[in-house]
Amino acid sequence: MSKLLKVTSSPHIRHEDSTRGIMSDVIIALLPAAVYGCILFGWNAIFVLITTVATAVAAEALWNLALHKKQTIGDLSAVLTGLLLGMNLSSQTPLWIAAIGSVVAIIVVKQMFGGLGYNFANPAMTARIVLLVSFAGQMSNYVSPIDAVTSATPLAKDTAYTLKQLFFGMHGGAIGETSSFLLIIGGLYLMLRKVIKPIIPVAFIGTVAVCSLIANPQEIALSVFGGGLMLGAIFMATDYVTTPTTDLGKLIFGIGCGLITFVIRQFGSLPEGVSYAILLMNILTPHINRLTLSKPFGYKEVAQE
């Protein structure tokens, strides 16, 4: 009895996870911190999140419609991008600026580079940087949930905070970055679901902690829990598309992000450097992949004549 060997093109092994499933897990992991931010900052925070998510979905739908492409809003990637962007904004951000950010994230950073899987940088994070550069005044307006007055982020060092306030989020800042506790819970959920590996978050946060400990031991809690480090390290630096594929590459990426973040915070004019650090390392990702990918078995370089 003859047996036929069916030969097909790669991939030969398919994982059961789908894009929609992965996006759903990340959204679920983000929701506790997002809801907490809405409780702290009130209706303004809710309106900002609704605006960023709705605009991101609408922008992707209209882009696909205009270019006669298959609709992709069902994979929830636009929802996740809008949610991440909104969580990186202050509750005092004007809604029209929040909407512009979503359009930049979806159209400019994602779709103009070929759509999901082809963007060179995290769309939400890059859009936040564009907004920071374009609307510096409006983007630096934060409200403290303690006294409901305009305030700076803890990294601006205008007010002293306890470790409890920093860890649980009783301070001014972006909507989704204040509660390190809930962000860590979300990160553990993603690790248990095997959506992300702990390499990048641990290397990123650990590098910032070690550098801060050496530079100023009294401010280590502020450096780790007082800004956007947890949100960036757990949910944005672990993006599948824009980060290295190898474990060694992930380690290099995380350490690089941590070093750049520390340098910007310590020596730059900006109190926060997480977004810029991730963007710079996103640009280096292809080179990190090339340096850390193992050579195929039996590979031998051909001598140049």
C-alpha atoms as a PDB file:
ATOM      1  CA  MET A   1       0.000   0.000   0.000  1.00  0.00           C
ATOM      2  CA  SER A   2       1.551   3.263  -1.103  1.00  0.00           C
ATOM      3  CA  LYS A   3       1.639   6.268   1.138  1.00  0.00           C
ATOM      4  CA  LEU A   4       1.603   9.771  -0.234  1.00  0.00           C
ATOM      5  CA  LEU A   5       3.645  12.516   1.391  1.00  0.00           C
ATOM      6  CA  LYS A   6       1.836  15.792   1.136  1.00  0.00           C
ATOM      7  CA  VAL A   7       4.259  18.681   0.727  1.00  0.00           C
ATOM      8  CA  THR A   8       3.082  22.195   1.487  1.00  0.00           C
ATOM      9  CA  SER A   9       4.714  25.545   2.031  1.00  0.00           C
ATOM     10  CA  SER A  10       5.475  26.810   5.510  1.00  0.00           C
ATOM     11  CA  PRO A  11       4.334  27.250   8.180  1.00  0.00           C
ATOM     12  CA  HIS A  12       4.123  23.538   8.934  1.00  0.00           C
ATOM     13  CA  ILE A  13       3.243  23.999  12.625  1.00  0.00           C
ATOM     14  CA  ARG A  14       0.352  26.261  13.493  1.00  0.00           C
ATOM     15  CA  HIS A  15      -0.360  27.626  16.952  1.00  0.00           C
ATOM     16  CA  GLU A  16      -3.901  27.566  18.265  1.00  0.00           C
ATOM     17  CA  ASP A  17      -3.745  31.238  19.293  1.00  0.00           C
ATOM     18  CA  SER A  18      -5.398  33.713  16.931  1.00  0.00           C
ATOM     19  CA  THR A  19      -4.769  37.429  16.551  1.00  0.00           C
ATOM     20  CA  ARG A  20      -8.192  38.144  18.028  1.00  0.00           C
ATOM     21  CA  GLY A  21      -7.490  35.844  20.976  1.00  0.00           C
ATOM     22  CA  ILE A  22      -4.162  37.500  21.761  1.00  0.00           C
ATOM     23  CA  MET A  23      -5.642  40.992  21.463  1.00  0.00           C
ATOM     24  CA  SER A  24      -8.521  39.954  23.729  1.00  0.00           C
ATOM     25  CA  ASP A  25      -6.102  38.739  26.389  1.00  0.00           C
ATOM     26  CA  VAL A  26      -4.136  42.004  26.337  1.00  0.00           C
ATOM     27  CA  ILE A  27      -7.343  44.052  26.533  1.00  0.00           C
ATOM     28  CA  ILE A  28      -8.523  41.951  29.498  1.00  0.00           C
ATOM     29  CA  ALA A  29      -5.155  42.489  31.201  1.00  0.00           C
ATOM     30  CA  LEU A  30      -5.402  46.267  30.684  1.00  0.00           C
ATOM     31  CA  LEU A  31      -9.000  46.677  31.853  1.00  0.00           C
ATOM     32  CA  PRO A  32      -8.379  46.713  35.647  1.00  0.00           C
ATOM     33  CA  ALA A  33      -5.878  49.572  35.354  1.00  0.00           C
ATOM     34  CA  ALA A  34      -8.117  51.381  32.856  1.00  0.00           C
ATOM     35  CA  VAL A  35     -11.192  51.092  35.103  1.00  0.00           C
ATOM     36  CA  TYR A  36      -9.141  52.187  38.112  1.00  0.00           C
ATOM     37  CA  GLY A  37      -7.958  55.243  36.180  1.00  0.00           C
ATOM     38  CA  CYS A  38     -11.561  56.129  35.330  1.00  0.00           C
ATOM     39  CA  ILE A  39     -12.549  55.822  38.995  1.00  0.00           C
ATOM     40  CA  LEU A  40      -9.654  58.088  40.034  1.00  0.00           C
ATOM     41  CA  PHE A  41     -10.031  60.750  37.364  1.00  0.00           C
ATOM     42  CA  GLY A  42     -13.767  60.609  36.687  1.00  0.00           C
ATOM     43  CA  TRP A  43     -15.819  61.226  33.569  1.00  0.00           C
ATOM     44  CA  ASN A  44     -13.032  63.014  31.708  1.00  0.00           C
ATOM     45  CA  ALA A  45     -10.975  59.823  31.719  1.00  0.00           C
ATOM     46  CA  ILE A  46     -13.940  57.799  30.443  1.00  0.00           C
ATOM     47  CA  PHE A  47     -14.522  60.249  27.588  1.00  0.00           C
ATOM     48  CA  VAL A  48     -10.838  60.181  26.610  1.00  0.00           C
ATOM     49  CA  LEU A  49     -10.787  56.361  26.469  1.00  0.00           C
ATOM     50  CA  ILE A  50     -14.045  56.214  24.509  1.00  0.00           C
ATOM     51  CA  THR A  51     -12.691  58.785  22.052  1.00  0.00           C
ATOM     52  CA  THR A  52      -9.383  57.036  21.422  1.00  0.00           C
ATOM     53  CA  VAL A  53     -10.934  53.587  21.021  1.00  0.00           C
ATOM     54  CA  ALA A  54     -13.857  54.737  18.841  1.00  0.00           C
ATOM     55  CA  THR A  55     -11.618  56.890  16.625  1.00  0.00           C
ATOM     56  CA  ALA A  56      -9.070  54.084  16.202  1.00  0.00           C
ATOM     57  CA  VAL A  57     -11.757  51.606  15.123  1.00  0.00           C
ATOM     58  CA  ALA A  58     -13.402  54.160  12.802  1.00  0.00           C
ATOM     59  CA  ALA A  59     -10.055  55.120  11.242  1.00  0.00           C
ATOM     60  CA  GLU A  60      -9.204  51.487  10.479  1.00  0.00           C
ATOM     61  CA  ALA A  61     -12.680  50.768   9.098  1.00  0.00           C
ATOM     62  CA  LEU A  62     -12.646  53.846   6.846  1.00  0.00           C
ATOM     63  CA  TRP A  63      -9.114  53.102   5.621  1.00  0.00           C
ATOM     64  CA  ASN A  64     -10.074  49.559   4.641  1.00  0.00           C
ATOM     65  CA  LEU A  65     -13.264  50.818   3.005  1.00  0.00           C
ATOM     66  CA  ALA A  66     -11.481  53.511   1.016  1.00  0.00           C
ATOM     67  CA  LEU A  67      -8.802  51.103  -0.239  1.00  0.00           C
ATOM     68  CA  HIS A  68     -11.291  48.252  -0.837  1.00  0.00           C
ATOM     69  CA  LYS A  69      -9.451  46.043   1.628  1.00  0.00           C
ATOM     70  CA  LYS A  70     -10.846  43.310   3.833  1.00  0.00           C
ATOM     71  CA  GLN A  71     -12.191  44.715   7.088  1.00  0.00           C
ATOM     72  CA  THR A  72      -9.823  43.969   9.975  1.00  0.00           C
ATOM     73  CA  ILE A  73     -11.560  45.682  12.905  1.00  0.00           C
ATOM     74  CA  GLY A  74     -12.770  42.257  14.051  1.00  0.00           C
ATOM     75  CA  ASP A  75      -9.246  41.249  15.111  1.00  0.00           C
ATOM     76  CA  LEU A  76      -9.490  43.868  17.918  1.00  0.00           C
ATOM     77  CA  SER A  77      -6.038  45.301  17.176  1.00  0.00           C
ATOM     78  CA  ALA A  78      -7.540  48.761  16.581  1.00  0.00           C
ATOM     79  CA  VAL A  79      -9.432  48.518  19.881  1.00  0.00           C
ATOM     80  CA  LEU A  80      -6.209  47.636  21.696  1.00  0.00           C
ATOM     81  CA  THR A  81      -4.299  50.478  20.025  1.00  0.00           C
ATOM     82  CA  GLY A  82      -6.980  52.988  21.007  1.00  0.00           C
ATOM     83  CA  LEU A  83      -7.122  51.677  24.577  1.00  0.00           C
ATOM     84  CA  LEU A  84      -3.335  51.815  24.983  1.00  0.00           C
ATOM     85  CA  LEU A  85      -3.174  55.331  23.604  1.00  0.00           C
ATOM     86  CA  GLY A  86      -5.981  56.532  25.879  1.00  0.00           C
ATOM     87  CA  MET A  87      -4.310  54.992  28.920  1.00  0.00           C
ATOM     88  CA  ASN A  88      -1.141  56.930  28.047  1.00  0.00           C
ATOM     89  CA  LEU A  89      -2.995  60.258  28.019  1.00  0.00           C
ATOM     90  CA  SER A  90      -4.026  62.592  30.811  1.00  0.00           C
ATOM     91  CA  SER A  91      -7.708  62.780  31.679  1.00  0.00           C
ATOM     92  CA  GLN A  92      -7.402  66.499  30.868  1.00  0.00           C
ATOM     93  CA  THR A  93      -6.384  65.861  27.250  1.00  0.00           C
ATOM     94  CA  PRO A  94      -8.798  67.639  24.865  1.00  0.00           C
ATOM     95  CA  LEU A  95     -10.861  65.056  23.008  1.00  0.00           C
ATOM     96  CA  TRP A  96      -9.876  66.420  19.596  1.00  0.00           C
ATOM     97  CA  ILE A  97      -6.205  65.845  20.453  1.00  0.00           C
ATOM     98  CA  ALA A  98      -7.006  62.315  21.623  1.00  0.00           C
ATOM     99  CA  ALA A  99      -8.802  61.685  18.309  1.00  0.00           C
ATOM    100  CA  ILE A 100      -5.816  62.987  16.315  1.00  0.00           C
ATOM    101  CA  GLY A 101      -3.589  60.581  18.235  1.00  0.00           C
ATOM    102  CA  SER A 102      -5.742  57.608  17.263  1.00  0.00           C
ATOM    103  CA  VAL A 103      -5.708  58.635  13.593  1.00  0.00           C
ATOM    104  CA  VAL A 104      -1.915  58.954  13.665  1.00  0.00           C
ATOM    105  CA  ALA A 105      -1.578  55.554  15.358  1.00  0.00           C
ATOM    106  CA  ILE A 106      -3.845  53.689  12.949  1.00  0.00           C
ATOM    107  CA  ILE A 107      -3.329  55.465   9.628  1.00  0.00           C
ATOM    108  CA  VAL A 108       0.239  56.796   9.752  1.00  0.00           C
ATOM    109  CA  VAL A 109       2.068  54.276  11.935  1.00  0.00           C
ATOM    110  CA  LYS A 110       0.086  51.106  11.199  1.00  0.00           C
ATOM    111  CA  GLN A 111      -1.752  51.168   7.874  1.00  0.00           C
ATOM    112  CA  MET A 112       0.715  53.222   5.827  1.00  0.00           C
ATOM    113  CA  PHE A 113       3.370  50.621   6.610  1.00  0.00           C
ATOM    114  CA  GLY A 114       1.184  47.728   5.477  1.00  0.00           C
ATOM    115  CA  GLY A 115      -1.133  47.058   8.392  1.00  0.00           C
ATOM    116  CA  LEU A 116      -0.845  44.756  11.377  1.00  0.00           C
ATOM    117  CA  GLY A 117       2.467  42.921  11.392  1.00  0.00           C
ATOM    118  CA  TYR A 118       4.342  45.428   9.234  1.00  0.00           C
ATOM    119  CA  ASN A 119       4.574  48.527  11.428  1.00  0.00           C
ATOM    120  CA  PHE A 120       8.110  49.360  12.552  1.00  0.00           C
ATOM    121  CA  ALA A 121       7.075  50.809  15.925  1.00  0.00           C
ATOM    122  CA  ASN A 122       4.261  50.456  18.429  1.00  0.00           C
ATOM    123  CA  PRO A 123       1.406  52.582  16.996  1.00  0.00           C
ATOM    124  CA  ALA A 124      -0.027  53.821  20.310  1.00  0.00           C
ATOM    125  CA  MET A 125       3.354  54.732  21.730  1.00  0.00           C
ATOM    126  CA  THR A 126       4.491  56.515  18.567  1.00  0.00           C
ATOM    127  CA  ALA A 127       1.224  58.455  18.431  1.00  0.00           C
ATOM    128  CA  ARG A 128       1.762  59.547  22.032  1.00  0.00           C
ATOM    129  CA  ILE A 129       5.200  60.901  21.117  1.00  0.00           C
ATOM    130  CA  VAL A 130       3.699  62.791  18.165  1.00  0.00           C
ATOM    131  CA  LEU A 131       1.135  64.354  20.508  1.00  0.00           C
ATOM    132  CA  LEU A 132       3.803  65.200  23.094  1.00  0.00           C
ATOM    133  CA  VAL A 133       5.847  67.027  20.489  1.00  0.00           C
ATOM    134  CA  SER A 134       2.888  68.716  18.785  1.00  0.00           C
ATOM    135  CA  PHE A 135       0.788  69.674  21.824  1.00  0.00           C
ATOM    136  CA  ALA A 136       3.288  69.920  24.671  1.00  0.00           C
ATOM    137  CA  GLY A 137       1.179  72.209  26.841  1.00  0.00           C
ATOM    138  CA  GLN A 138      -2.047  70.213  26.668  1.00  0.00           C
ATOM    139  CA  MET A 139      -0.203  66.896  27.053  1.00  0.00           C
ATOM    140  CA  SER A 140       1.485  67.930  30.315  1.00  0.00           C
ATOM    141  CA  ASN A 141      -1.726  68.879  32.120  1.00  0.00           C
ATOM    142  CA  TYR A 142      -2.445  66.275  34.796  1.00  0.00           C
ATOM    143  CA  VAL A 143      -4.880  66.129  37.704  1.00  0.00           C
ATOM    144  CA  SER A 144      -4.111  64.644  41.100  1.00  0.00           C
ATOM    145  CA  PRO A 145      -6.898  62.360  42.366  1.00  0.00           C
ATOM    146  CA  ILE A 146      -6.020  63.297  45.926  1.00  0.00           C
ATOM    147  CA  ASP A 147      -6.970  66.967  45.826  1.00  0.00           C
ATOM    148  CA  ALA A 148      -8.559  67.234  42.359  1.00  0.00           C
ATOM    149  CA  VAL A 149      -6.268  70.052  41.288  1.00  0.00           C
ATOM    150  CA  THR A 150      -3.908  70.344  38.355  1.00  0.00           C
ATOM    151  CA  SER A 151      -0.556  68.774  39.126  1.00  0.00           C
ATOM    152  CA  ALA A 152       2.508  67.256  37.524  1.00  0.00           C
ATOM    153  CA  THR A 153       3.418  63.589  37.395  1.00  0.00           C
ATOM    154  CA  PRO A 154       5.402  62.237  40.364  1.00  0.00           C
ATOM    155  CA  LEU A 155       8.556  62.228  38.234  1.00  0.00           C
ATOM    156  CA  ALA A 156       8.416  66.019  38.115  1.00  0.00           C
ATOM    157  CA  LYS A 157       9.250  65.804  41.860  1.00  0.00           C
ATOM    158  CA  ASP A 158       6.930  68.656  42.815  1.00  0.00           C
ATOM    159  CA  THR A 159       5.295  66.581  45.574  1.00  0.00           C
ATOM    160  CA  ALA A 160       6.544  63.851  47.896  1.00  0.00           C
ATOM    161  CA  TYR A 161       4.694  60.534  47.630  1.00  0.00           C
ATOM    162  CA  THR A 162       4.804  57.440  49.799  1.00  0.00           C
ATOM    163  CA  LEU A 163       5.528  53.998  48.381  1.00  0.00           C
ATOM    164  CA  LYS A 164       1.885  53.049  48.967  1.00  0.00           C
ATOM    165  CA  GLN A 165       0.651  56.055  46.965  1.00  0.00           C
ATOM    166  CA  LEU A 166       3.056  55.288  44.129  1.00  0.00           C
ATOM    167  CA  PHE A 167       2.343  51.557  44.013  1.00  0.00           C
ATOM    168  CA  PHE A 168      -1.448  51.780  44.153  1.00  0.00           C
ATOM    169  CA  GLY A 169      -1.767  54.925  42.057  1.00  0.00           C
ATOM    170  CA  MET A 170      -2.933  57.754  44.287  1.00  0.00           C
ATOM    171  CA  HIS A 171      -1.129  60.418  42.308  1.00  0.00           C
ATOM    172  CA  GLY A 172      -1.313  62.428  39.126  1.00  0.00           C
ATOM    173  CA  GLY A 173      -0.375  60.917  35.803  1.00  0.00           C
ATOM    174  CA  ALA A 174      -1.793  59.342  32.673  1.00  0.00           C
ATOM    175  CA  ILE A 175      -5.115  57.505  32.988  1.00  0.00           C
ATOM    176  CA  GLY A 176      -3.716  53.991  32.867  1.00  0.00           C
ATOM    177  CA  GLU A 177      -0.210  54.352  34.247  1.00  0.00           C
ATOM    178  CA  THR A 178      -0.885  55.242  37.883  1.00  0.00           C
ATOM    179  CA  SER A 179      -1.606  51.846  39.470  1.00  0.00           C
ATOM    180  CA  SER A 180       1.553  49.756  39.233  1.00  0.00           C
ATOM    181  CA  PHE A 181      -0.198  47.063  41.267  1.00  0.00           C
ATOM    182  CA  LEU A 182      -2.958  46.498  38.701  1.00  0.00           C
ATOM    183  CA  LEU A 183      -0.535  46.728  35.774  1.00  0.00           C
ATOM    184  CA  ILE A 184       1.624  44.017  37.367  1.00  0.00           C
ATOM    185  CA  ILE A 185      -1.473  41.857  37.889  1.00  0.00           C
ATOM    186  CA  GLY A 186      -2.294  42.322  34.203  1.00  0.00           C
ATOM    187  CA  GLY A 187       1.255  41.400  33.243  1.00  0.00           C
ATOM    188  CA  LEU A 188       1.137  38.218  35.340  1.00  0.00           C
ATOM    189  CA  TYR A 189      -2.128  37.287  33.618  1.00  0.00           C
ATOM    190  CA  LEU A 190      -0.474  37.639  30.206  1.00  0.00           C
ATOM    191  CA  MET A 191       2.469  35.535  31.344  1.00  0.00           C
ATOM    192  CA  LEU A 192       0.183  32.810  32.672  1.00  0.00           C
ATOM    193  CA  ARG A 193      -1.666  32.876  29.361  1.00  0.00           C
ATOM    194  CA  LYS A 194       1.738  32.678  27.627  1.00  0.00           C
ATOM    195  CA  VAL A 195       0.953  35.788  25.609  1.00  0.00           C
ATOM    196  CA  ILE A 196       4.223  37.444  26.661  1.00  0.00           C
ATOM    197  CA  LYS A 197       7.501  36.312  28.174  1.00  0.00           C
ATOM    198  CA  PRO A 198       8.855  38.024  31.300  1.00  0.00           C
ATOM    199  CA  ILE A 199      12.255  38.730  29.735  1.00  0.00           C
ATOM    200  CA  ILE A 200      11.619  42.250  28.403  1.00  0.00           C
ATOM    201  CA  PRO A 201       9.579  43.586  31.359  1.00  0.00           C
ATOM    202  CA  VAL A 202      12.032  42.206  33.939  1.00  0.00           C
ATOM    203  CA  ALA A 203      15.088  43.449  32.026  1.00  0.00           C
ATOM    204  CA  PHE A 204      13.507  46.867  31.363  1.00  0.00           C
ATOM    205  CA  ILE A 205      12.256  47.499  34.918  1.00  0.00           C
ATOM    206  CA  GLY A 206      15.311  45.881  36.501  1.00  0.00           C
ATOM    207  CA  THR A 207      17.734  48.055  34.520  1.00  0.00           C
ATOM    208  CA  VAL A 208      15.921  51.241  35.523  1.00  0.00           C
ATOM    209  CA  ALA A 209      15.842  50.072  39.164  1.00  0.00           C
ATOM    210  CA  VAL A 210      19.568  49.219  39.258  1.00  0.00           C
ATOM    211  CA  CYS A 211      20.606  52.474  37.568  1.00  0.00           C
ATOM    212  CA  SER A 212      18.361  54.486  39.890  1.00  0.00           C
ATOM    213  CA  LEU A 213      19.726  52.628  42.917  1.00  0.00           C
ATOM    214  CA  ILE A 214      23.262  53.576  41.908  1.00  0.00           C
ATOM    215  CA  ALA A 215      22.435  57.189  41.053  1.00  0.00           C
ATOM    216  CA  ASN A 216      20.012  58.024  43.858  1.00  0.00           C
ATOM    217  CA  PRO A 217      18.892  55.230  46.211  1.00  0.00           C
ATOM    218  CA  GLN A 218      16.265  57.469  47.852  1.00  0.00           C
ATOM    219  CA  GLU A 219      14.320  57.773  44.599  1.00  0.00           C
ATOM    220  CA  ILE A 220      14.250  54.155  43.437  1.00  0.00           C
ATOM    221  CA  ALA A 221      10.546  53.735  44.304  1.00  0.00           C
ATOM    222  CA  LEU A 222       9.730  56.941  42.436  1.00  0.00           C
ATOM    223  CA  SER A 223      11.710  55.797  39.384  1.00  0.00           C
ATOM    224  CA  VAL A 224      10.041  52.380  39.216  1.00  0.00           C
ATOM    225  CA  PHE A 225       6.453  53.149  40.265  1.00  0.00           C
ATOM    226  CA  GLY A 226       6.065  56.884  39.673  1.00  0.00           C
ATOM    227  CA  GLY A 227       5.783  57.145  35.901  1.00  0.00           C
ATOM    228  CA  GLY A 228       4.869  55.119  32.854  1.00  0.00           C
ATOM    229  CA  LEU A 229       7.515  52.423  33.333  1.00  0.00           C
ATOM    230  CA  MET A 230       5.135  49.611  34.260  1.00  0.00           C
ATOM    231  CA  LEU A 231       2.656  50.342  31.458  1.00  0.00           C
ATOM    232  CA  GLY A 232       5.445  50.704  28.910  1.00  0.00           C
ATOM    233  CA  ALA A 233       7.544  47.733  29.988  1.00  0.00           C
ATOM    234  CA  ILE A 234       4.678  45.245  30.335  1.00  0.00           C
ATOM    235  CA  PHE A 235       2.268  46.256  27.581  1.00  0.00           C
ATOM    236  CA  MET A 236       4.171  48.275  24.956  1.00  0.00           C
ATOM    237  CA  ALA A 237       7.735  46.985  24.968  1.00  0.00           C
ATOM    238  CA  THR A 238       6.406  43.428  24.521  1.00  0.00           C
ATOM    239  CA  ASP A 239       4.662  44.092  21.212  1.00  0.00           C
ATOM    240  CA  TYR A 240       5.165  41.055  18.957  1.00  0.00           C
ATOM    241  CA  VAL A 241       5.848  42.985  15.766  1.00  0.00           C
ATOM    242  CA  THR A 242       8.299  45.608  16.972  1.00  0.00           C
ATOM    243  CA  THR A 243      10.460  43.640  19.412  1.00  0.00           C
ATOM    244  CA  PRO A 244      13.118  40.937  18.871  1.00  0.00           C
ATOM    245  CA  THR A 245      12.097  37.336  18.360  1.00  0.00           C
ATOM    246  CA  THR A 246      14.932  35.600  20.229  1.00  0.00           C
ATOM    247  CA  ASP A 247      15.282  35.417  24.008  1.00  0.00           C
ATOM    248  CA  LEU A 248      18.746  36.976  23.849  1.00  0.00           C
ATOM    249  CA  GLY A 249      17.368  39.714  21.619  1.00  0.00           C
ATOM    250  CA  LYS A 250      14.559  40.373  24.085  1.00  0.00           C
ATOM    251  CA  LEU A 251      17.094  40.675  26.904  1.00  0.00           C
ATOM    252  CA  ILE A 252      19.185  43.167  24.916  1.00  0.00           C
ATOM    253  CA  PHE A 253      16.032  45.069  23.988  1.00  0.00           C
ATOM    254  CA  GLY A 254      14.848  45.308  27.599  1.00  0.00           C
ATOM    255  CA  ILE A 255      18.223  46.419  28.929  1.00  0.00           C
ATOM    256  CA  GLY A 256      18.525  48.978  26.135  1.00  0.00           C
ATOM    257  CA  CYS A 257      15.087  50.397  26.936  1.00  0.00           C
ATOM    258  CA  GLY A 258      16.001  50.639  30.610  1.00  0.00           C
ATOM    259  CA  LEU A 259      19.299  52.406  29.972  1.00  0.00           C
ATOM    260  CA  ILE A 260      17.786  54.943  27.578  1.00  0.00           C
ATOM    261  CA  THR A 261      14.890  55.614  29.956  1.00  0.00           C
ATOM    262  CA  PHE A 262      17.292  56.240  32.837  1.00  0.00           C
ATOM    263  CA  VAL A 263      19.542  58.535  30.780  1.00  0.00           C
ATOM    264  CA  ILE A 264      16.612  60.644  29.565  1.00  0.00           C
ATOM    265  CA  ARG A 265      15.154  60.940  33.059  1.00  0.00           C
ATOM    266  CA  GLN A 266      18.481  61.652  34.726  1.00  0.00           C
ATOM    267  CA  PHE A 267      20.153  63.962  32.236  1.00  0.00           C
ATOM    268  CA  GLY A 268      17.434  65.110  29.828  1.00  0.00           C
ATOM    269  CA  SER A 269      14.943  67.947  30.095  1.00  0.00           C
ATOM    270  CA  LEU A 270      11.988  65.535  30.136  1.00  0.00           C
ATOM    271  CA  PRO A 271      10.830  63.844  33.359  1.00  0.00           C
ATOM    272  CA  GLU A 272       9.698  60.747  31.428  1.00  0.00           C
ATOM    273  CA  GLY A 273      11.634  58.743  28.840  1.00  0.00           C
ATOM    274  CA  VAL A 274       9.828  55.411  28.490  1.00  0.00           C
ATOM    275  CA  SER A 275       8.109  56.150  25.159  1.00  0.00           C
ATOM    276  CA  TYR A 276      11.255  57.517  23.534  1.00  0.00           C
ATOM    277  CA  ALA A 277      13.321  54.583  24.791  1.00  0.00           C
ATOM    278  CA  ILE A 278      10.926  52.012  23.340  1.00  0.00           C
ATOM    279  CA  LEU A 279      10.755  53.847  20.000  1.00  0.00           C
ATOM    280  CA  LEU A 280      14.549  53.989  19.691  1.00  0.00           C
ATOM    281  CA  MET A 281      14.864  50.291  20.505  1.00  0.00           C
ATOM    282  CA  ASN A 282      12.036  49.472  18.044  1.00  0.00           C
ATOM    283  CA  ILE A 283      14.203  51.022  15.334  1.00  0.00           C
ATOM    284  CA  LEU A 284      17.119  48.805  16.389  1.00  0.00           C
ATOM    285  CA  THR A 285      15.018  45.619  16.508  1.00  0.00           C
ATOM    286  CA  PRO A 286      15.902  44.387  12.962  1.00  0.00           C
ATOM    287  CA  HIS A 287      19.605  44.706  13.796  1.00  0.00           C
ATOM    288  CA  ILE A 288      19.172  42.933  17.137  1.00  0.00           C
ATOM    289  CA  ASN A 289      17.329  40.113  15.366  1.00  0.00           C
ATOM    290  CA  ARG A 290      20.081  39.805  12.777  1.00  0.00           C
ATOM    291  CA  LEU A 291      22.754  39.599  15.463  1.00  0.00           C
ATOM    292  CA  THR A 292      20.969  37.137  17.743  1.00  0.00           C
ATOM    293  CA  LEU A 293      19.235  34.751  15.348  1.00  0.00           C
ATOM    294  CA  SER A 294      20.948  31.360  15.324  1.00  0.00           C
ATOM    295  CA  LYS A 295      22.354  30.105  12.041  1.00  0.00           C
ATOM    296  CA  PRO A 296      20.538  27.161  10.385  1.00  0.00           C
ATOM    297  CA  PHE A 297      22.056  23.741  11.021  1.00  0.00           C
ATOM    298  CA  GLY A 298      24.711  23.019   8.431  1.00  0.00           C
ATOM    299  CA  TYR A 299      24.982  26.672   7.379  1.00  0.00           C
ATOM    300  CA  LYS A 300      28.363  27.643   6.038  1.00  0.00           C
ATOM    301  CA  GLU A 301      29.415  31.012   4.707  1.00  0.00           C
ATOM    302  CA  VAL A 302      30.755  31.053   1.181  1.00  0.00           C
ATOM    303  CA  ALA A 303      34.240  32.452   0.975  1.00  0.00           C
ATOM    304  CA  GLN A 304      34.450  35.681  -1.016  1.00  0.00           C
ATOM    305  CA  GLU A 305      36.860  35.578  -3.923  1.00  0.00           C
END
